[in-house]
Amino acid sequence: MSVALIRADRRAIPRFHESTIRVTLRIPGKLGTSSGRLIDYNRYGLAVCLAGSSALITAKTSLVALSFNVGRFHVRNALGVIHNRYRNAESDRLGIRFRIDSPSQLDAAATRQTLGELEQELQNLTLDEIVTANRS
């Protein structure tokens, strides 16, 4: 079995290429926010596509606070670290890994539980159901 097939089998949640799920990013200790759309998610991290280039997110930015809603799930100020960044003319794509165990994370246990429950919920829904749930 090829590596590509093994990796394909591991993905339980589809990528959200047409997602309308908005993610707000904030740099702790700084004013201002930036927002983008969710394109990939699991309990360990997510990928966000920012339209255009965000002045808030610089090459030195690593820690961000993330807020987003998916249906009945409301994630507020979950801390994450930018692990990778891909830039092109139209957008920035950020790969962010959650850092819930950080001493700076408020209400870490509740945040961890919400992220895990959200992953379970997304595994049971189709992309159309996810988008519809986010509009309600």
N, C-alpha and C. Protein backbone atom coordinates (compact mmCIF):
# COMPACT_ATOMS: atom_id res chain seq x y z
N MET A 1 0.85 -1.18 0.00
CA MET A 1 0.00 0.00 0.00
C MET A 1 0.89 1.24 0.00
N SER A 2 0.57 2.20 -0.83
CA SER A 2 1.39 3.40 -0.93
C SER A 2 1.14 4.33 0.25
N VAL A 3 2.11 5.21 0.49
CA VAL A 3 1.99 6.20 1.56
C VAL A 3 0.79 7.11 1.31
N ALA A 4 0.56 7.48 0.04
CA ALA A 4 -0.58 8.36 -0.29
C ALA A 4 -1.90 7.71 0.13
N LEU A 5 -2.05 6.41 -0.09
CA LEU A 5 -3.29 5.74 0.30
C LEU A 5 -3.43 5.67 1.81
N ILE A 6 -2.35 5.43 2.52
CA ILE A 6 -2.41 5.39 3.98
C ILE A 6 -2.83 6.75 4.52
N ARG A 7 -2.24 7.81 4.01
CA ARG A 7 -2.59 9.15 4.48
C ARG A 7 -4.02 9.50 4.13
N ALA A 8 -4.49 9.10 2.96
CA ALA A 8 -5.86 9.39 2.56
C ALA A 8 -6.84 8.72 3.52
N ASP A 9 -6.52 7.50 3.98
CA ASP A 9 -7.40 6.78 4.90
C ASP A 9 -7.47 7.44 6.26
N ARG A 10 -6.43 8.16 6.66
CA ARG A 10 -6.40 8.77 7.98
C ARG A 10 -7.31 9.98 8.09
N ARG A 11 -7.62 10.65 6.99
CA ARG A 11 -8.42 11.87 7.04
C ARG A 11 -9.88 11.52 7.26
N ALA A 12 -10.38 11.84 8.45
CA ALA A 12 -11.78 11.57 8.78
C ALA A 12 -12.67 12.78 8.52
N ILE A 13 -12.09 13.98 8.52
CA ILE A 13 -12.85 15.21 8.31
C ILE A 13 -12.44 15.81 6.98
N PRO A 14 -13.40 16.14 6.12
CA PRO A 14 -13.03 16.71 4.83
C PRO A 14 -12.45 18.12 4.99
N ARG A 15 -11.61 18.51 4.05
CA ARG A 15 -11.14 19.90 4.03
C ARG A 15 -12.30 20.77 3.58
N PHE A 16 -12.32 21.99 4.07
CA PHE A 16 -13.43 22.90 3.82
C PHE A 16 -13.04 23.94 2.78
N HIS A 17 -12.79 23.52 1.56
CA HIS A 17 -12.31 24.46 0.54
C HIS A 17 -13.32 25.57 0.24
N GLU A 18 -14.59 25.30 0.39
CA GLU A 18 -15.61 26.31 0.13
C GLU A 18 -16.24 26.80 1.43
N SER A 19 -15.50 26.76 2.48
CA SER A 19 -16.02 27.07 3.80
C SER A 19 -16.45 28.53 3.95
N THR A 20 -17.53 28.70 4.68
CA THR A 20 -17.97 30.04 5.07
C THR A 20 -17.70 30.25 6.57
N ILE A 21 -17.01 29.31 7.18
CA ILE A 21 -16.73 29.40 8.61
C ILE A 21 -15.61 30.41 8.82
N ARG A 22 -15.93 31.49 9.53
CA ARG A 22 -14.96 32.57 9.76
C ARG A 22 -14.16 32.32 11.03
N VAL A 23 -12.86 32.56 10.93
CA VAL A 23 -11.97 32.44 12.08
C VAL A 23 -11.35 33.81 12.33
N THR A 24 -11.41 34.28 13.55
CA THR A 24 -10.78 35.56 13.92
C THR A 24 -9.48 35.26 14.64
N LEU A 25 -8.40 35.91 14.19
CA LEU A 25 -7.08 35.74 14.81
C LEU A 25 -6.70 37.04 15.51
N ARG A 26 -6.16 36.89 16.71
CA ARG A 26 -5.70 38.04 17.47
C ARG A 26 -4.33 37.69 18.04
N ILE A 27 -3.43 38.67 18.02
CA ILE A 27 -2.13 38.49 18.63
C ILE A 27 -2.25 38.90 20.09
N PRO A 28 -2.00 37.96 21.04
CA PRO A 28 -2.13 38.32 22.46
C PRO A 28 -1.25 39.54 22.80
N GLY A 29 -1.85 40.51 23.49
CA GLY A 29 -1.13 41.71 23.89
C GLY A 29 -1.12 42.81 22.84
N LYS A 30 -1.75 42.58 21.69
CA LYS A 30 -1.78 43.58 20.61
C LYS A 30 -3.23 43.95 20.31
N LEU A 31 -3.40 45.15 19.78
CA LEU A 31 -4.72 45.58 19.34
C LEU A 31 -4.95 45.11 17.92
N GLY A 32 -6.19 44.90 17.57
CA GLY A 32 -6.54 44.54 16.21
C GLY A 32 -6.70 43.05 16.03
N THR A 33 -7.47 42.70 15.01
CA THR A 33 -7.70 41.31 14.66
C THR A 33 -7.59 41.15 13.16
N SER A 34 -7.49 39.92 12.74
CA SER A 34 -7.51 39.57 11.33
C SER A 34 -8.48 38.40 11.20
N SER A 35 -9.14 38.27 10.08
CA SER A 35 -10.06 37.15 9.95
C SER A 35 -9.84 36.44 8.62
N GLY A 36 -10.18 35.17 8.64
CA GLY A 36 -10.06 34.35 7.45
C GLY A 36 -11.10 33.26 7.50
N ARG A 37 -10.97 32.31 6.57
CA ARG A 37 -11.95 31.22 6.56
C ARG A 37 -11.25 29.90 6.86
N LEU A 38 -11.96 29.08 7.59
CA LEU A 38 -11.47 27.77 8.00
C LEU A 38 -11.40 26.85 6.79
N ILE A 39 -10.24 26.21 6.57
CA ILE A 39 -10.15 25.27 5.45
C ILE A 39 -9.78 23.85 5.91
N ASP A 40 -9.34 23.69 7.14
CA ASP A 40 -9.01 22.37 7.65
C ASP A 40 -9.06 22.43 9.17
N TYR A 41 -9.50 21.34 9.81
CA TYR A 41 -9.64 21.35 11.27
C TYR A 41 -9.48 19.94 11.82
N ASN A 42 -8.82 19.85 12.96
CA ASN A 42 -8.92 18.70 13.85
C ASN A 42 -8.62 19.20 15.25
N ARG A 43 -8.74 18.35 16.26
CA ARG A 43 -8.60 18.82 17.64
C ARG A 43 -7.21 19.36 17.95
N TYR A 44 -6.23 19.09 17.10
CA TYR A 44 -4.85 19.53 17.34
C TYR A 44 -4.51 20.85 16.66
N GLY A 45 -5.30 21.25 15.66
CA GLY A 45 -4.99 22.48 14.97
C GLY A 45 -5.93 22.73 13.81
N LEU A 46 -5.62 23.75 13.05
CA LEU A 46 -6.47 24.10 11.91
C LEU A 46 -5.65 24.83 10.86
N ALA A 47 -6.26 25.00 9.71
CA ALA A 47 -5.67 25.80 8.64
C ALA A 47 -6.67 26.90 8.31
N VAL A 48 -6.14 28.09 8.13
CA VAL A 48 -6.96 29.27 7.85
C VAL A 48 -6.43 29.94 6.60
N CYS A 49 -7.34 30.38 5.75
CA CYS A 49 -6.97 31.15 4.57
C CYS A 49 -7.38 32.60 4.80
N LEU A 50 -6.38 33.50 4.80
CA LEU A 50 -6.63 34.93 4.97
C LEU A 50 -6.66 35.58 3.60
N ALA A 51 -7.73 36.29 3.28
CA ALA A 51 -7.82 36.98 2.00
C ALA A 51 -6.81 38.12 2.00
N GLY A 52 -6.00 38.21 0.97
CA GLY A 52 -4.97 39.24 0.92
C GLY A 52 -3.89 38.95 1.93
N SER A 53 -3.01 39.86 2.12
CA SER A 53 -1.94 39.69 3.09
C SER A 53 -2.28 40.48 4.34
N SER A 54 -2.26 39.84 5.47
CA SER A 54 -2.62 40.50 6.71
C SER A 54 -1.42 41.22 7.30
N ALA A 55 -1.58 42.51 7.56
CA ALA A 55 -0.51 43.29 8.19
C ALA A 55 -0.32 42.85 9.63
N LEU A 56 -1.37 42.30 10.24
CA LEU A 56 -1.29 41.86 11.63
C LEU A 56 -0.36 40.66 11.80
N ILE A 57 -0.40 39.74 10.84
CA ILE A 57 0.40 38.52 10.91
C ILE A 57 1.71 38.77 10.17
N THR A 58 2.80 38.85 10.90
CA THR A 58 4.10 39.09 10.29
C THR A 58 4.96 37.83 10.37
N ALA A 59 6.14 37.89 9.78
CA ALA A 59 7.05 36.73 9.79
C ALA A 59 7.44 36.36 11.22
N LYS A 60 7.43 37.32 12.14
CA LYS A 60 7.82 37.05 13.53
C LYS A 60 6.65 36.60 14.40
N THR A 61 5.43 36.66 13.88
CA THR A 61 4.26 36.26 14.64
C THR A 61 4.27 34.75 14.82
N SER A 62 4.08 34.30 16.04
CA SER A 62 3.96 32.86 16.24
C SER A 62 2.71 32.52 17.05
N LEU A 63 2.47 33.20 18.16
CA LEU A 63 1.33 32.89 19.01
C LEU A 63 0.11 33.72 18.59
N VAL A 64 -1.03 33.04 18.42
CA VAL A 64 -2.27 33.72 18.07
C VAL A 64 -3.40 33.17 18.94
N ALA A 65 -4.42 33.99 19.16
CA ALA A 65 -5.64 33.57 19.83
C ALA A 65 -6.71 33.45 18.75
N LEU A 66 -7.40 32.32 18.71
CA LEU A 66 -8.37 32.01 17.66
C LEU A 66 -9.78 31.96 18.22
N SER A 67 -10.72 32.54 17.48
CA SER A 67 -12.13 32.48 17.86
C SER A 67 -12.93 32.13 16.63
N PHE A 68 -13.89 31.18 16.77
CA PHE A 68 -14.75 30.82 15.66
C PHE A 68 -15.97 30.07 16.17
N ASN A 69 -17.00 30.01 15.33
CA ASN A 69 -18.24 29.30 15.64
C ASN A 69 -18.51 28.28 14.55
N VAL A 70 -18.90 27.10 14.95
CA VAL A 70 -19.37 26.09 14.01
C VAL A 70 -20.62 25.49 14.66
N GLY A 71 -21.78 25.85 14.10
CA GLY A 71 -23.03 25.36 14.67
C GLY A 71 -23.15 25.76 16.13
N ARG A 72 -23.34 24.78 17.01
CA ARG A 72 -23.52 25.05 18.44
C ARG A 72 -22.19 25.22 19.18
N PHE A 73 -21.09 25.04 18.49
CA PHE A 73 -19.77 25.14 19.13
C PHE A 73 -19.22 26.56 18.99
N HIS A 74 -18.80 27.13 20.11
CA HIS A 74 -18.24 28.47 20.12
C HIS A 74 -16.85 28.40 20.76
N VAL A 75 -15.84 28.56 19.95
CA VAL A 75 -14.46 28.53 20.44
C VAL A 75 -14.02 29.97 20.61
N ARG A 76 -13.54 30.32 21.80
CA ARG A 76 -13.12 31.69 22.08
C ARG A 76 -11.69 31.71 22.61
N ASN A 77 -10.85 32.45 21.95
CA ASN A 77 -9.47 32.69 22.40
C ASN A 77 -8.68 31.42 22.67
N ALA A 78 -8.83 30.43 21.79
CA ALA A 78 -7.99 29.23 21.89
C ALA A 78 -6.60 29.61 21.38
N LEU A 79 -5.58 29.36 22.16
CA LEU A 79 -4.22 29.74 21.76
C LEU A 79 -3.66 28.74 20.76
N GLY A 80 -2.92 29.26 19.80
CA GLY A 80 -2.28 28.42 18.81
C GLY A 80 -0.97 29.03 18.35
N VAL A 81 -0.14 28.19 17.74
CA VAL A 81 1.15 28.63 17.22
C VAL A 81 1.14 28.42 15.71
N ILE A 82 1.55 29.44 14.97
CA ILE A 82 1.64 29.32 13.52
C ILE A 82 2.83 28.44 13.18
N HIS A 83 2.55 27.29 12.57
CA HIS A 83 3.61 26.35 12.22
C HIS A 83 4.07 26.52 10.79
N ASN A 84 3.17 26.93 9.92
CA ASN A 84 3.59 27.16 8.54
C ASN A 84 2.72 28.25 7.93
N ARG A 85 3.28 28.87 6.92
CA ARG A 85 2.59 29.96 6.24
C ARG A 85 2.93 29.88 4.76
N TYR A 86 1.90 29.88 3.95
CA TYR A 86 2.08 29.87 2.51
C TYR A 86 1.44 31.13 1.95
N ARG A 87 2.23 31.93 1.27
CA ARG A 87 1.73 33.18 0.69
C ARG A 87 1.65 33.08 -0.82
N ASN A 88 0.58 33.65 -1.36
CA ASN A 88 0.53 33.89 -2.80
C ASN A 88 -0.10 35.26 -3.01
N ALA A 89 -0.33 35.63 -4.23
CA ALA A 89 -0.81 36.99 -4.53
C ALA A 89 -2.18 37.28 -3.92
N GLU A 90 -3.02 36.26 -3.81
CA GLU A 90 -4.39 36.49 -3.35
C GLU A 90 -4.61 36.27 -1.86
N SER A 91 -3.77 35.44 -1.23
CA SER A 91 -4.08 35.07 0.14
C SER A 91 -2.87 34.55 0.89
N ASP A 92 -3.05 34.40 2.19
CA ASP A 92 -2.11 33.73 3.08
C ASP A 92 -2.82 32.51 3.63
N ARG A 93 -2.12 31.37 3.62
CA ARG A 93 -2.66 30.16 4.25
C ARG A 93 -1.79 29.87 5.46
N LEU A 94 -2.41 29.79 6.63
CA LEU A 94 -1.69 29.54 7.88
C LEU A 94 -2.05 28.17 8.43
N GLY A 95 -1.04 27.40 8.79
CA GLY A 95 -1.23 26.16 9.52
C GLY A 95 -0.97 26.45 10.98
N ILE A 96 -1.96 26.24 11.83
CA ILE A 96 -1.87 26.62 13.24
C ILE A 96 -2.12 25.40 14.11
N ARG A 97 -1.23 25.18 15.05
CA ARG A 97 -1.38 24.08 16.02
C ARG A 97 -1.83 24.67 17.35
N PHE A 98 -2.89 24.09 17.91
CA PHE A 98 -3.40 24.58 19.20
C PHE A 98 -2.36 24.37 20.30
N ARG A 99 -2.32 25.32 21.23
CA ARG A 99 -1.45 25.24 22.41
C ARG A 99 -2.32 25.41 23.66
N ILE A 100 -3.24 24.50 23.84
CA ILE A 100 -4.20 24.57 24.94
C ILE A 100 -3.51 24.41 26.29
N ASP A 101 -2.38 23.71 26.32
CA ASP A 101 -1.66 23.49 27.58
C ASP A 101 -0.81 24.67 28.01
N SER A 102 -0.82 25.74 27.24
CA SER A 102 -0.05 26.93 27.59
C SER A 102 -0.59 27.53 28.89
N PRO A 103 0.29 28.03 29.75
CA PRO A 103 -0.17 28.68 30.98
C PRO A 103 -1.03 29.92 30.68
N SER A 104 -0.92 30.46 29.48
CA SER A 104 -1.71 31.64 29.11
C SER A 104 -3.12 31.30 28.66
N GLN A 105 -3.41 30.02 28.42
CA GLN A 105 -4.74 29.61 27.94
C GLN A 105 -5.75 29.70 29.07
N LEU A 106 -6.78 30.52 28.87
CA LEU A 106 -7.86 30.63 29.84
C LEU A 106 -8.79 29.43 29.69
N ASP A 107 -9.24 28.89 30.78
CA ASP A 107 -10.20 27.78 30.80
C ASP A 107 -9.78 26.65 29.86
N ALA A 108 -8.58 26.15 30.08
CA ALA A 108 -7.98 25.15 29.20
C ALA A 108 -8.82 23.88 29.09
N ALA A 109 -9.36 23.40 30.20
CA ALA A 109 -10.13 22.15 30.18
C ALA A 109 -11.38 22.28 29.31
N ALA A 110 -12.10 23.38 29.46
CA ALA A 110 -13.31 23.59 28.66
C ALA A 110 -12.97 23.78 27.18
N THR A 111 -11.87 24.49 26.90
CA THR A 111 -11.46 24.69 25.51
C THR A 111 -11.08 23.36 24.88
N ARG A 112 -10.32 22.54 25.58
CA ARG A 112 -9.91 21.23 25.08
C ARG A 112 -11.14 20.36 24.79
N GLN A 113 -12.10 20.38 25.71
CA GLN A 113 -13.32 19.60 25.53
C GLN A 113 -14.10 20.07 24.30
N THR A 114 -14.25 21.37 24.14
CA THR A 114 -14.98 21.91 22.99
C THR A 114 -14.30 21.52 21.68
N LEU A 115 -12.97 21.63 21.62
CA LEU A 115 -12.25 21.27 20.40
C LEU A 115 -12.41 19.79 20.06
N GLY A 116 -12.37 18.93 21.07
CA GLY A 116 -12.56 17.50 20.84
C GLY A 116 -13.98 17.17 20.40
N GLU A 117 -14.98 17.78 21.04
CA GLU A 117 -16.37 17.55 20.66
C GLU A 117 -16.64 18.06 19.26
N LEU A 118 -16.05 19.20 18.90
CA LEU A 118 -16.22 19.74 17.56
C LEU A 118 -15.65 18.78 16.53
N GLU A 119 -14.48 18.21 16.79
CA GLU A 119 -13.90 17.25 15.86
C GLU A 119 -14.83 16.06 15.65
N GLN A 120 -15.39 15.53 16.75
CA GLN A 120 -16.32 14.41 16.65
C GLN A 120 -17.54 14.78 15.81
N GLU A 121 -18.07 15.96 16.05
CA GLU A 121 -19.25 16.42 15.32
C GLU A 121 -18.95 16.54 13.82
N LEU A 122 -17.80 17.12 13.48
CA LEU A 122 -17.44 17.31 12.08
C LEU A 122 -17.23 15.98 11.36
N GLN A 123 -16.78 14.96 12.07
CA GLN A 123 -16.59 13.63 11.46
C GLN A 123 -17.91 13.03 11.04
N ASN A 124 -18.99 13.42 11.70
CA ASN A 124 -20.30 12.84 11.42
C ASN A 124 -21.12 13.65 10.43
N LEU A 125 -20.61 14.78 9.98
CA LEU A 125 -21.36 15.64 9.06
C LEU A 125 -20.70 15.69 7.69
N THR A 126 -21.50 15.96 6.66
CA THR A 126 -20.95 16.24 5.34
C THR A 126 -20.60 17.72 5.28
N LEU A 127 -19.86 18.12 4.26
CA LEU A 127 -19.49 19.53 4.11
C LEU A 127 -20.72 20.42 4.00
N ASP A 128 -21.75 19.99 3.26
CA ASP A 128 -22.97 20.78 3.14
C ASP A 128 -23.64 20.96 4.50
N GLU A 129 -23.67 19.91 5.31
CA GLU A 129 -24.26 20.01 6.65
C GLU A 129 -23.46 20.95 7.54
N ILE A 130 -22.13 20.95 7.40
CA ILE A 130 -21.29 21.83 8.20
C ILE A 130 -21.58 23.28 7.85
N VAL A 131 -21.66 23.59 6.57
CA VAL A 131 -21.92 24.96 6.13
C VAL A 131 -23.32 25.38 6.59
N THR A 132 -24.31 24.50 6.47
CA THR A 132 -25.68 24.81 6.91
C THR A 132 -25.72 25.02 8.41
N ALA A 133 -25.04 24.19 9.19
CA ALA A 133 -25.01 24.34 10.64
C ALA A 133 -24.39 25.65 11.05
N ASN A 134 -23.42 26.12 10.29
CA ASN A 134 -22.74 27.37 10.63
C ASN A 134 -23.61 28.58 10.34
N ARG A 135 -24.59 28.44 9.45
CA ARG A 135 -25.47 29.58 9.13
C ARG A 135 -26.58 29.74 10.14
N SER A 136 -26.85 28.70 10.91
CA SER A 136 -27.97 28.79 11.87
C SER A 136 -27.56 29.47 13.15
